[in-house]
Amino acid sequence: ALYQMTNENGGVDDVFGSAYMTKRDLYNRLRAFLEGSRN
């Protein structure tokens, strides 16, 4: 899963809100996230 740190004590947020998934599924989502971040 992709997590983002939310506070200095180590709190995290599940970025895609879908818990743990396959590497292929996360890879595709990360690529889409990158493409959206560049625009």
Full PDB file with SEQRES, HELIX, SHEET, SSBOND, CRYST1, ORIGX, SCALE, CONECT and MASTER records, all heavy atoms in Angstrom:
SEQRES   1 A   39  ALA LEU TYR GLN MET THR ASN GLU ASN GLY GLY VAL ASP          
SEQRES   2 A   39  ASP VAL PHE GLY SER ALA TYR MET THR LYS ARG ASP LEU          
SEQRES   3 A   39  TYR ASN ARG LEU ARG ALA PHE LEU GLU GLY SER ARG ASN          
HELIX    1 AA1 LYS A   23  ARG A   38  1                                  16    
SHEET    1 AA1 2 TYR A   3  MET A   5  0                                        
SHEET    2 AA1 2 VAL A  12  ASP A  14 -1                                        
CRYST1    1.000    1.000    1.000  90.00  90.00  90.00 P 1           1          
ORIGX1      1.000000  0.000000  0.000000        0.00000                         
ORIGX2      0.000000  1.000000  0.000000        0.00000                         
ORIGX3      0.000000  0.000000  1.000000        0.00000                         
SCALE1      1.000000  0.000000  0.000000        0.00000                         
SCALE2      0.000000  1.000000  0.000000        0.00000                         
SCALE3      0.000000  0.000000  1.000000        0.00000                         
ATOM      1  N   ALA A   1       0.858  -1.189   0.000  1.00  0.00           N  
ATOM      2  CA  ALA A   1       0.000   0.000   0.000  1.00  0.00           C  
ATOM      3  C   ALA A   1       0.889   1.233   0.000  1.00  0.00           C  
ATOM      4  O   ALA A   1       2.059   1.166   0.376  1.00  0.00           O  
ATOM      5  CB  ALA A   1      -0.907   0.015   1.234  1.00  0.00           C  
ATOM      6  N   LEU A   2       0.340   2.356  -0.432  1.00  0.00           N  
ATOM      7  CA  LEU A   2       1.055   3.625  -0.367  1.00  0.00           C  
ATOM      8  C   LEU A   2       0.537   4.384   0.844  1.00  0.00           C  
ATOM      9  O   LEU A   2      -0.661   4.650   0.957  1.00  0.00           O  
ATOM     10  CB  LEU A   2       0.824   4.465  -1.630  1.00  0.00           C  
ATOM     11  CG  LEU A   2       1.557   5.810  -1.648  1.00  0.00           C  
ATOM     12  CD1 LEU A   2       3.074   5.609  -1.720  1.00  0.00           C  
ATOM     13  CD2 LEU A   2       1.083   6.669  -2.813  1.00  0.00           C  
ATOM     14  N   TYR A   3       1.460   4.718   1.756  1.00  0.00           N  
ATOM     15  CA  TYR A   3       1.121   5.488   2.949  1.00  0.00           C  
ATOM     16  C   TYR A   3       1.788   6.841   2.875  1.00  0.00           C  
ATOM     17  O   TYR A   3       2.834   7.005   2.250  1.00  0.00           O  
ATOM     18  CB  TYR A   3       1.620   4.778   4.204  1.00  0.00           C  
ATOM     19  CG  TYR A   3       0.742   3.658   4.701  1.00  0.00           C  
ATOM     20  CD1 TYR A   3      -0.398   3.236   4.032  1.00  0.00           C  
ATOM     21  CD2 TYR A   3       1.066   2.998   5.880  1.00  0.00           C  
ATOM     22  CE1 TYR A   3      -1.181   2.210   4.514  1.00  0.00           C  
ATOM     23  CE2 TYR A   3       0.288   1.970   6.368  1.00  0.00           C  
ATOM     24  CZ  TYR A   3      -0.840   1.583   5.687  1.00  0.00           C  
ATOM     25  OH  TYR A   3      -1.620   0.562   6.167  1.00  0.00           O  
ATOM     26  N   GLN A   4       1.176   7.822   3.551  1.00  0.00           N  
ATOM     27  CA  GLN A   4       1.774   9.145   3.681  1.00  0.00           C  
ATOM     28  C   GLN A   4       1.841   9.492   5.163  1.00  0.00           C  
ATOM     29  O   GLN A   4       0.861   9.330   5.889  1.00  0.00           O  
ATOM     30  CB  GLN A   4       0.965  10.208   2.938  1.00  0.00           C  
ATOM     31  CG  GLN A   4       1.629  11.576   2.997  1.00  0.00           C  
ATOM     32  CD  GLN A   4       0.868  12.638   2.231  1.00  0.00           C  
ATOM     33  OE1 GLN A   4      -0.349  12.597   2.129  1.00  0.00           O  
ATOM     34  NE2 GLN A   4       1.599  13.608   1.714  1.00  0.00           N  
ATOM     35  N   MET A   5       3.021   9.961   5.607  1.00  0.00           N  
ATOM     36  CA  MET A   5       3.199  10.377   6.992  1.00  0.00           C  
ATOM     37  C   MET A   5       2.328  11.604   7.262  1.00  0.00           C  
ATOM     38  O   MET A   5       2.335  12.558   6.483  1.00  0.00           O  
ATOM     39  CB  MET A   5       4.656  10.744   7.272  1.00  0.00           C  
ATOM     40  CG  MET A   5       5.590   9.574   7.269  1.00  0.00           C  
ATOM     41  SD  MET A   5       5.288   8.522   8.694  1.00  0.00           S  
ATOM     42  CE  MET A   5       6.773   7.548   8.652  1.00  0.00           C  
ATOM     43  N   THR A   6       1.590  11.591   8.373  1.00  0.00           N  
ATOM     44  CA  THR A   6       0.681  12.694   8.677  1.00  0.00           C  
ATOM     45  C   THR A   6       1.068  13.493   9.920  1.00  0.00           C  
ATOM     46  O   THR A   6       0.541  14.579  10.129  1.00  0.00           O  
ATOM     47  CB  THR A   6      -0.759  12.182   8.860  1.00  0.00           C  
ATOM     48  OG1 THR A   6      -0.772  11.202   9.903  1.00  0.00           O  
ATOM     49  CG2 THR A   6      -1.283  11.583   7.561  1.00  0.00           C  
ATOM     50  N   ASN A   7       1.946  12.941  10.765  1.00  0.00           N  
ATOM     51  CA  ASN A   7       2.396  13.698  11.935  1.00  0.00           C  
ATOM     52  C   ASN A   7       3.791  13.230  12.352  1.00  0.00           C  
ATOM     53  O   ASN A   7       4.281  12.210  11.871  1.00  0.00           O  
ATOM     54  CB  ASN A   7       1.396  13.617  13.098  1.00  0.00           C  
ATOM     55  CG  ASN A   7       1.230  12.218  13.627  1.00  0.00           C  
ATOM     56  OD1 ASN A   7       2.198  11.504  13.883  1.00  0.00           O  
ATOM     57  ND2 ASN A   7      -0.017  11.805  13.822  1.00  0.00           N  
ATOM     58  N   GLU A   8       4.421  13.970  13.250  1.00  0.00           N  
ATOM     59  CA  GLU A   8       5.794  13.672  13.662  1.00  0.00           C  
ATOM     60  C   GLU A   8       5.924  12.403  14.494  1.00  0.00           C  
ATOM     61  O   GLU A   8       7.025  11.922  14.720  1.00  0.00           O  
ATOM     62  CB  GLU A   8       6.383  14.855  14.430  1.00  0.00           C  
ATOM     63  CG  GLU A   8       6.648  16.052  13.563  1.00  0.00           C  
ATOM     64  CD  GLU A   8       7.339  17.174  14.308  1.00  0.00           C  
ATOM     65  OE1 GLU A   8       7.618  17.032  15.513  1.00  0.00           O  
ATOM     66  OE2 GLU A   8       7.618  18.201  13.659  1.00  0.00           O  
ATOM     67  N   ASN A   9       4.825  11.857  14.954  1.00  0.00           N  
ATOM     68  CA  ASN A   9       4.858  10.633  15.763  1.00  0.00           C  
ATOM     69  C   ASN A   9       4.701   9.367  14.934  1.00  0.00           C  
ATOM     70  O   ASN A   9       4.636   8.272  15.478  1.00  0.00           O  
ATOM     71  CB  ASN A   9       3.778  10.695  16.846  1.00  0.00           C  
ATOM     72  CG  ASN A   9       4.024  11.832  17.794  1.00  0.00           C  
ATOM     73  OD1 ASN A   9       5.153  12.055  18.227  1.00  0.00           O  
ATOM     74  ND2 ASN A   9       2.990  12.582  18.111  1.00  0.00           N  
ATOM     75  N   GLY A  10       4.604   9.498  13.623  1.00  0.00           N  
ATOM     76  CA  GLY A  10       4.523   8.321  12.756  1.00  0.00           C  
ATOM     77  C   GLY A  10       3.129   7.963  12.285  1.00  0.00           C  
ATOM     78  O   GLY A  10       2.930   6.897  11.708  1.00  0.00           O  
ATOM     79  N   GLY A  11       2.164   8.830  12.514  1.00  0.00           N  
ATOM     80  CA  GLY A  11       0.820   8.581  12.009  1.00  0.00           C  
ATOM     81  C   GLY A  11       0.820   8.585  10.480  1.00  0.00           C  
ATOM     82  O   GLY A  11       1.563   9.336   9.858  1.00  0.00           O  
ATOM     83  N   VAL A  12       0.029   7.699   9.889  1.00  0.00           N  
ATOM     84  CA  VAL A  12      -0.004   7.582   8.431  1.00  0.00           C  
ATOM     85  C   VAL A  12      -1.436   7.580   7.907  1.00  0.00           C  
ATOM     86  O   VAL A  12      -2.381   7.330   8.644  1.00  0.00           O  
ATOM     87  CB  VAL A  12       0.704   6.294   7.939  1.00  0.00           C  
ATOM     88  CG1 VAL A  12       2.174   6.320   8.276  1.00  0.00           C  
ATOM     89  CG2 VAL A  12       0.052   5.056   8.520  1.00  0.00           C  
ATOM     90  N   ASP A  13      -1.534   7.846   6.608  1.00  0.00           N  
ATOM     91  CA  ASP A  13      -2.802   7.789   5.893  1.00  0.00           C  
ATOM     92  C   ASP A  13      -2.634   6.829   4.728  1.00  0.00           C  
ATOM     93  O   ASP A  13      -1.624   6.874   4.025  1.00  0.00           O  
ATOM     94  CB  ASP A  13      -3.164   9.185   5.377  1.00  0.00           C  
ATOM     95  CG  ASP A  13      -4.473   9.203   4.617  1.00  0.00           C  
ATOM     96  OD1 ASP A  13      -5.428   8.526   5.056  1.00  0.00           O  
ATOM     97  OD2 ASP A  13      -4.548   9.899   3.593  1.00  0.00           O  
ATOM     98  N   ASP A  14      -3.607   5.936   4.538  1.00  0.00           N  
ATOM     99  CA  ASP A  14      -3.612   5.044   3.376  1.00  0.00           C  
ATOM    100  C   ASP A  14      -4.094   5.879   2.190  1.00  0.00           C  
ATOM    101  O   ASP A  14      -5.274   6.202   2.084  1.00  0.00           O  
ATOM    102  CB  ASP A  14      -4.545   3.861   3.637  1.00  0.00           C  
ATOM    103  CG  ASP A  14      -4.647   2.892   2.481  1.00  0.00           C  
ATOM    104  OD1 ASP A  14      -4.044   3.137   1.416  1.00  0.00           O  
ATOM    105  OD2 ASP A  14      -5.340   1.868   2.642  1.00  0.00           O  
ATOM    106  N   VAL A  15      -3.169   6.258   1.320  1.00  0.00           N  
ATOM    107  CA  VAL A  15      -3.447   7.226   0.252  1.00  0.00           C  
ATOM    108  C   VAL A  15      -4.616   6.810  -0.634  1.00  0.00           C  
ATOM    109  O   VAL A  15      -5.478   7.622  -0.960  1.00  0.00           O  
ATOM    110  CB  VAL A  15      -2.179   7.472  -0.595  1.00  0.00           C  
ATOM    111  CG1 VAL A  15      -2.482   8.371  -1.780  1.00  0.00           C  
ATOM    112  CG2 VAL A  15      -1.075   8.073   0.273  1.00  0.00           C  
ATOM    113  N   PHE A  16      -4.670   5.544  -1.012  1.00  0.00           N  
ATOM    114  CA  PHE A  16      -5.724   5.096  -1.919  1.00  0.00           C  
ATOM    115  C   PHE A  16      -6.938   4.534  -1.181  1.00  0.00           C  
ATOM    116  O   PHE A  16      -7.928   4.179  -1.806  1.00  0.00           O  
ATOM    117  CB  PHE A  16      -5.178   4.068  -2.911  1.00  0.00           C  
ATOM    118  CG  PHE A  16      -4.097   4.631  -3.796  1.00  0.00           C  
ATOM    119  CD1 PHE A  16      -2.812   4.118  -3.758  1.00  0.00           C  
ATOM    120  CD2 PHE A  16      -4.353   5.695  -4.640  1.00  0.00           C  
ATOM    121  CE1 PHE A  16      -1.804   4.640  -4.558  1.00  0.00           C  
ATOM    122  CE2 PHE A  16      -3.359   6.231  -5.439  1.00  0.00           C  
ATOM    123  CZ  PHE A  16      -2.081   5.705  -5.393  1.00  0.00           C  
ATOM    124  N   GLY A  17      -6.853   4.449   0.139  1.00  0.00           N  
ATOM    125  CA  GLY A  17      -7.987   4.008   0.955  1.00  0.00           C  
ATOM    126  C   GLY A  17      -8.477   2.608   0.658  1.00  0.00           C  
ATOM    127  O   GLY A  17      -9.625   2.286   0.906  1.00  0.00           O  
ATOM    128  N   SER A  18      -7.603   1.774   0.126  1.00  0.00           N  
ATOM    129  CA  SER A  18      -8.040   0.430  -0.246  1.00  0.00           C  
ATOM    130  C   SER A  18      -7.215  -0.659   0.429  1.00  0.00           C  
ATOM    131  O   SER A  18      -7.197  -1.787  -0.033  1.00  0.00           O  
ATOM    132  CB  SER A  18      -7.974   0.268  -1.765  1.00  0.00           C  
ATOM    133  OG  SER A  18      -6.661   0.535  -2.210  1.00  0.00           O  
ATOM    134  N   ALA A  19      -6.540  -0.303   1.494  1.00  0.00           N  
ATOM    135  CA  ALA A  19      -5.713  -1.244   2.250  1.00  0.00           C  
ATOM    136  C   ALA A  19      -4.646  -1.870   1.348  1.00  0.00           C  
ATOM    137  O   ALA A  19      -4.189  -1.232   0.406  1.00  0.00           O  
ATOM    138  CB  ALA A  19      -6.577  -2.288   2.932  1.00  0.00           C  
ATOM    139  N   TYR A  20      -4.269  -3.092   1.628  1.00  0.00           N  
ATOM    140  CA  TYR A  20      -3.178  -3.742   0.899  1.00  0.00           C  
ATOM    141  C   TYR A  20      -3.689  -4.403  -0.375  1.00  0.00           C  
ATOM    142  O   TYR A  20      -4.790  -4.939  -0.413  1.00  0.00           O  
ATOM    143  CB  TYR A  20      -2.475  -4.742   1.810  1.00  0.00           C  
ATOM    144  CG  TYR A  20      -1.771  -4.034   2.929  1.00  0.00           C  
ATOM    145  CD1 TYR A  20      -2.405  -3.784   4.133  1.00  0.00           C  
ATOM    146  CD2 TYR A  20      -0.470  -3.561   2.758  1.00  0.00           C  
ATOM    147  CE1 TYR A  20      -1.762  -3.093   5.154  1.00  0.00           C  
ATOM    148  CE2 TYR A  20       0.175  -2.868   3.766  1.00  0.00           C  
ATOM    149  CZ  TYR A  20      -0.472  -2.635   4.954  1.00  0.00           C  
ATOM    150  OH  TYR A  20       0.164  -1.945   5.945  1.00  0.00           O  
ATOM    151  N   MET A  21      -2.862  -4.320  -1.422  1.00  0.00           N  
ATOM    152  CA  MET A  21      -3.236  -4.833  -2.737  1.00  0.00           C  
ATOM    153  C   MET A  21      -2.036  -5.529  -3.371  1.00  0.00           C  
ATOM    154  O   MET A  21      -0.965  -5.570  -2.773  1.00  0.00           O  
ATOM    155  CB  MET A  21      -3.721  -3.680  -3.620  1.00  0.00           C  
ATOM    156  CG  MET A  21      -2.666  -2.612  -3.862  1.00  0.00           C  
ATOM    157  SD  MET A  21      -3.301  -1.098  -4.630  1.00  0.00           S  
ATOM    158  CE  MET A  21      -3.926  -0.226  -3.216  1.00  0.00           C  
ATOM    159  N   THR A  22      -2.194  -6.015  -4.583  1.00  0.00           N  
ATOM    160  CA  THR A  22      -1.075  -6.649  -5.281  1.00  0.00           C  
ATOM    161  C   THR A  22      -0.078  -5.586  -5.731  1.00  0.00           C  
ATOM    162  O   THR A  22      -0.422  -4.408  -5.871  1.00  0.00           O  
ATOM    163  CB  THR A  22      -1.554  -7.428  -6.522  1.00  0.00           C  
ATOM    164  OG1 THR A  22      -2.071  -6.486  -7.473  1.00  0.00           O  
ATOM    165  CG2 THR A  22      -2.608  -8.462  -6.163  1.00  0.00           C  
ATOM    166  N   LYS A  23       1.136  -6.004  -5.975  1.00  0.00           N  
ATOM    167  CA  LYS A  23       2.167  -5.080  -6.453  1.00  0.00           C  
ATOM    168  C   LYS A  23       1.777  -4.486  -7.799  1.00  0.00           C  
ATOM    169  O   LYS A  23       1.988  -3.302  -8.046  1.00  0.00           O  
ATOM    170  CB  LYS A  23       3.517  -5.788  -6.564  1.00  0.00           C  
ATOM    171  CG  LYS A  23       4.115  -6.123  -5.217  1.00  0.00           C  
ATOM    172  CD  LYS A  23       5.436  -6.855  -5.370  1.00  0.00           C  
ATOM    173  CE  LYS A  23       5.979  -7.253  -4.018  1.00  0.00           C  
ATOM    174  NZ  LYS A  23       7.235  -7.995  -4.125  1.00  0.00           N  
ATOM    175  N   ARG A  24       1.212  -5.268  -8.672  1.00  0.00           N  
ATOM    176  CA  ARG A  24       0.796  -4.785  -9.997  1.00  0.00           C  
ATOM    177  C   ARG A  24      -0.266  -3.681  -9.851  1.00  0.00           C  
ATOM    178  O   ARG A  24      -0.187  -2.651 -10.504  1.00  0.00           O  
ATOM    179  CB  ARG A  24       0.254  -5.946 -10.827  1.00  0.00           C  
ATOM    180  CG  ARG A  24      -0.457  -5.567 -12.114  1.00  0.00           C  
ATOM    181  CD  ARG A  24       0.406  -5.208 -13.270  1.00  0.00           C  
ATOM    182  NE  ARG A  24       1.407  -6.206 -13.542  1.00  0.00           N  
ATOM    183  CZ  ARG A  24       2.492  -5.964 -14.256  1.00  0.00           C  
ATOM    184  NH1 ARG A  24       2.687  -4.775 -14.786  1.00  0.00           N  
ATOM    185  NH2 ARG A  24       3.391  -6.891 -14.472  1.00  0.00           N  
ATOM    186  N   ASP A  25      -1.249  -3.906  -9.000  1.00  0.00           N  
ATOM    187  CA  ASP A  25      -2.309  -2.915  -8.809  1.00  0.00           C  
ATOM    188  C   ASP A  25      -1.726  -1.623  -8.235  1.00  0.00           C  
ATOM    189  O   ASP A  25      -2.031  -0.525  -8.729  1.00  0.00           O  
ATOM    190  CB  ASP A  25      -3.399  -3.465  -7.896  1.00  0.00           C  
ATOM    191  CG  ASP A  25      -4.636  -2.590  -7.832  1.00  0.00           C  
ATOM    192  OD1 ASP A  25      -4.824  -1.739  -8.724  1.00  0.00           O  
ATOM    193  OD2 ASP A  25      -5.434  -2.760  -6.890  1.00  0.00           O  
ATOM    194  N   LEU A  26      -0.861  -1.735  -7.227  1.00  0.00           N  
ATOM    195  CA  LEU A  26      -0.263  -0.530  -6.656  1.00  0.00           C  
ATOM    196  C   LEU A  26       0.626   0.173  -7.678  1.00  0.00           C  
ATOM    197  O   LEU A  26       0.605   1.401  -7.786  1.00  0.00           O  
ATOM    198  CB  LEU A  26       0.529  -0.859  -5.391  1.00  0.00           C  
ATOM    199  CG  LEU A  26       1.151   0.353  -4.692  1.00  0.00           C  
ATOM    200  CD1 LEU A  26       0.091   1.374  -4.296  1.00  0.00           C  
ATOM    201  CD2 LEU A  26       1.963  -0.086  -3.488  1.00  0.00           C  
ATOM    202  N   TYR A  27       1.384  -0.582  -8.447  1.00  0.00           N  
ATOM    203  CA  TYR A  27       2.251  -0.004  -9.483  1.00  0.00           C  
ATOM    204  C   TYR A  27       1.422   0.847 -10.454  1.00  0.00           C  
ATOM    205  O   TYR A  27       1.776   1.979 -10.753  1.00  0.00           O  
ATOM    206  CB  TYR A  27       2.972  -1.127 -10.233  1.00  0.00           C  
ATOM    207  CG  TYR A  27       3.833  -0.669 -11.371  1.00  0.00           C  
ATOM    208  CD1 TYR A  27       5.128  -0.213 -11.151  1.00  0.00           C  
ATOM    209  CD2 TYR A  27       3.364  -0.704 -12.682  1.00  0.00           C  
ATOM    210  CE1 TYR A  27       5.930   0.214 -12.201  1.00  0.00           C  
ATOM    211  CE2 TYR A  27       4.156  -0.288 -13.737  1.00  0.00           C  
ATOM    212  CZ  TYR A  27       5.438   0.167 -13.491  1.00  0.00           C  
ATOM    213  OH  TYR A  27       6.239   0.587 -14.532  1.00  0.00           O  
ATOM    214  N   ASN A  28       0.309   0.313 -10.904  1.00  0.00           N  
ATOM    215  CA  ASN A  28      -0.555   1.057 -11.835  1.00  0.00           C  
ATOM    216  C   ASN A  28      -1.111   2.327 -11.190  1.00  0.00           C  
ATOM    217  O   ASN A  28      -1.180   3.378 -11.829  1.00  0.00           O  
ATOM    218  CB  ASN A  28      -1.688   0.166 -12.337  1.00  0.00           C  
ATOM    219  CG  ASN A  28      -1.194  -0.914 -13.263  1.00  0.00           C  
ATOM    220  OD1 ASN A  28      -0.163  -0.775 -13.918  1.00  0.00           O  
ATOM    221  ND2 ASN A  28      -1.918  -2.029 -13.316  1.00  0.00           N  
ATOM    222  N   ARG A  29      -1.479   2.242  -9.926  1.00  0.00           N  
ATOM    223  CA  ARG A  29      -1.996   3.419  -9.226  1.00  0.00           C  
ATOM    224  C   ARG A  29      -0.906   4.463  -9.007  1.00  0.00           C  
ATOM    225  O   ARG A  29      -1.164   5.665  -9.112  1.00  0.00           O  
ATOM    226  CB  ARG A  29      -2.611   3.015  -7.891  1.00  0.00           C  
ATOM    227  CG  ARG A  29      -3.896   2.215  -8.061  1.00  0.00           C  
ATOM    228  CD  ARG A  29      -4.448   1.801  -6.726  1.00  0.00           C  
ATOM    229  NE  ARG A  29      -5.550   0.872  -6.890  1.00  0.00           N  
ATOM    230  CZ  ARG A  29      -6.611   0.852  -6.112  1.00  0.00           C  
ATOM    231  NH1 ARG A  29      -6.720   1.694  -5.105  1.00  0.00           N  
ATOM    232  NH2 ARG A  29      -7.564  -0.025  -6.310  1.00  0.00           N  
ATOM    233  N   LEU A  30       0.313   4.011  -8.687  1.00  0.00           N  
ATOM    234  CA  LEU A  30       1.422   4.949  -8.501  1.00  0.00           C  
ATOM    235  C   LEU A  30       1.738   5.680  -9.797  1.00  0.00           C  
ATOM    236  O   LEU A  30       1.996   6.890  -9.798  1.00  0.00           O  
ATOM    237  CB  LEU A  30       2.671   4.221  -7.992  1.00  0.00           C  
ATOM    238  CG  LEU A  30       2.590   3.628  -6.589  1.00  0.00           C  
ATOM    239  CD1 LEU A  30       3.874   2.861  -6.274  1.00  0.00           C  
ATOM    240  CD2 LEU A  30       2.318   4.681  -5.549  1.00  0.00           C  
ATOM    241  N   ARG A  31       1.711   4.966 -10.902  1.00  0.00           N  
ATOM    242  CA  ARG A  31       1.958   5.604 -12.207  1.00  0.00           C  
ATOM    243  C   ARG A  31       0.885   6.648 -12.504  1.00  0.00           C  
ATOM    244  O   ARG A  31       1.187   7.747 -12.963  1.00  0.00           O  
ATOM    245  CB  ARG A  31       1.988   4.546 -13.321  1.00  0.00           C  
ATOM    246  CG  ARG A  31       3.049   3.477 -13.201  1.00  0.00           C  
ATOM    247  CD  ARG A  31       4.312   3.855 -13.830  1.00  0.00           C  
ATOM    248  NE  ARG A  31       4.053   4.413 -15.137  1.00  0.00           N  
ATOM    249  CZ  ARG A  31       4.825   4.289 -16.170  1.00  0.00           C  
ATOM    250  NH1 ARG A  31       5.922   3.597 -16.074  1.00  0.00           N  
ATOM    251  NH2 ARG A  31       4.547   4.855 -17.325  1.00  0.00           N  
ATOM    252  N   ALA A  32      -0.368   6.318 -12.226  1.00  0.00           N  
ATOM    253  CA  ALA A  32      -1.459   7.272 -12.447  1.00  0.00           C  
ATOM    254  C   ALA A  32      -1.309   8.484 -11.517  1.00  0.00           C  
ATOM    255  O   ALA A  32      -1.521   9.628 -11.934  1.00  0.00           O  
ATOM    256  CB  ALA A  32      -2.806   6.592 -12.221  1.00  0.00           C  
ATOM    257  N   PHE A  33      -0.919   8.251 -10.273  1.00  0.00           N  
ATOM    258  CA  PHE A  33      -0.701   9.332  -9.305  1.00  0.00           C  
ATOM    259  C   PHE A  33       0.380  10.271  -9.829  1.00  0.00           C  
ATOM    260  O   PHE A  33       0.213  11.491  -9.798  1.00  0.00           O  
ATOM    261  CB  PHE A  33      -0.283   8.717  -7.975  1.00  0.00           C  
ATOM    262  CG  PHE A  33      -0.163   9.695  -6.843  1.00  0.00           C  
ATOM    263  CD1 PHE A  33      -1.177   9.825  -5.920  1.00  0.00           C  
ATOM    264  CD2 PHE A  33       0.969  10.479  -6.683  1.00  0.00           C  
ATOM    265  CE1 PHE A  33      -1.076  10.710  -4.861  1.00  0.00           C  
ATOM    266  CE2 PHE A  33       1.093  11.371  -5.630  1.00  0.00           C  
ATOM    267  CZ  PHE A  33       0.054  11.491  -4.711  1.00  0.00           C  
ATOM    268  N   LEU A  34       1.470   9.703 -10.332  1.00  0.00           N  
ATOM    269  CA  LEU A  34       2.566  10.518 -10.873  1.00  0.00           C  
ATOM    270  C   LEU A  34       2.113  11.345 -12.064  1.00  0.00           C  
ATOM    271  O   LEU A  34       2.436  12.532 -12.173  1.00  0.00           O  
ATOM    272  CB  LEU A  34       3.718   9.617 -11.302  1.00  0.00           C  
ATOM    273  CG  LEU A  34       4.894   9.504 -10.352  1.00  0.00           C  
ATOM    274  CD1 LEU A  34       5.912   8.504 -10.873  1.00  0.00           C  
ATOM    275  CD2 LEU A  34       5.528  10.834 -10.078  1.00  0.00           C  
ATOM    276  N   GLU A  35       1.386  10.734 -12.972  1.00  0.00           N  
ATOM    277  CA  GLU A  35       0.892  11.455 -14.138  1.00  0.00           C  
ATOM    278  C   GLU A  35      -0.012  12.606 -13.725  1.00  0.00           C  
ATOM    279  O   GLU A  35       0.078  13.699 -14.260  1.00  0.00           O  
ATOM    280  CB  GLU A  35       0.154  10.508 -15.092  1.00  0.00           C  
ATOM    281  CG  GLU A  35       1.074   9.587 -15.840  1.00  0.00           C  
ATOM    282  CD  GLU A  35       2.099  10.307 -16.677  1.00  0.00           C  
ATOM    283  OE1 GLU A  35       1.742  11.274 -17.392  1.00  0.00           O  
ATOM    284  OE2 GLU A  35       3.277   9.924 -16.606  1.00  0.00           O  
ATOM    285  N   GLY A  36      -0.886  12.366 -12.746  1.00  0.00           N  
ATOM    286  CA  GLY A  36      -1.777  13.423 -12.277  1.00  0.00           C  
ATOM    287  C   GLY A  36      -1.041  14.541 -11.548  1.00  0.00           C  
ATOM    288  O   GLY A  36      -1.440  15.694 -11.606  1.00  0.00           O  
ATOM    289  N   SER A  37       0.059  14.195 -10.880  1.00  0.00           N  
ATOM    290  CA  SER A  37       0.842  15.189 -10.134  1.00  0.00           C  
ATOM    291  C   SER A  37       1.632  16.113 -11.047  1.00  0.00           C  
ATOM    292  O   SER A  37       1.952  17.233 -10.677  1.00  0.00           O  
ATOM    293  CB  SER A  37       1.817  14.489  -9.180  1.00  0.00           C  
ATOM    294  OG  SER A  37       1.117  13.769  -8.221  1.00  0.00           O  
ATOM    295  N   ARG A  38       1.928  15.655 -12.232  1.00  0.00           N  
ATOM    296  CA  ARG A  38       2.727  16.438 -13.163  1.00  0.00           C  
ATOM    297  C   ARG A  38       1.909  17.480 -13.893  1.00  0.00           C  
ATOM    298  O   ARG A  38       2.437  18.427 -14.436  1.00  0.00           O  
ATOM    299  CB  ARG A  38       3.406  15.523 -14.186  1.00  0.00           C  
ATOM    300  CG  ARG A  38       4.468  14.677 -13.544  1.00  0.00           C  
ATOM    301  CD  ARG A  38       5.097  13.784 -14.552  1.00  0.00           C  
ATOM    302  NE  ARG A  38       6.081  12.941 -13.903  1.00  0.00           N  
ATOM    303  CZ  ARG A  38       6.600  11.878 -14.418  1.00  0.00           C  
ATOM    304  NH1 ARG A  38       6.232  11.495 -15.628  1.00  0.00           N  
ATOM    305  NH2 ARG A  38       7.490  11.164 -13.766  1.00  0.00           N  
ATOM    306  N   ASN A  39       0.611  17.296 -13.955  1.00  0.00           N  
ATOM    307  CA  ASN A  39      -0.255  18.209 -14.712  1.00  0.00           C  
ATOM    308  C   ASN A  39      -0.715  19.365 -13.900  1.00  0.00           C  
ATOM    309  O   ASN A  39      -0.729  19.487 -12.791  1.00  0.00           O  
ATOM    310  CB  ASN A  39      -1.462  17.451 -15.285  1.00  0.00           C  
ATOM    311  CG  ASN A  39      -0.998  16.408 -16.275  1.00  0.00           C  
ATOM    312  OD1 ASN A  39       0.029  16.577 -16.915  1.00  0.00           O  
ATOM    313  ND2 ASN A  39      -1.736  15.330 -16.380  1.00  0.00           N  
TER     314      ASN A  39                                                      
MASTER        0    0    0    1    2    0    0    6  313    1    0    3          
END                                                                             
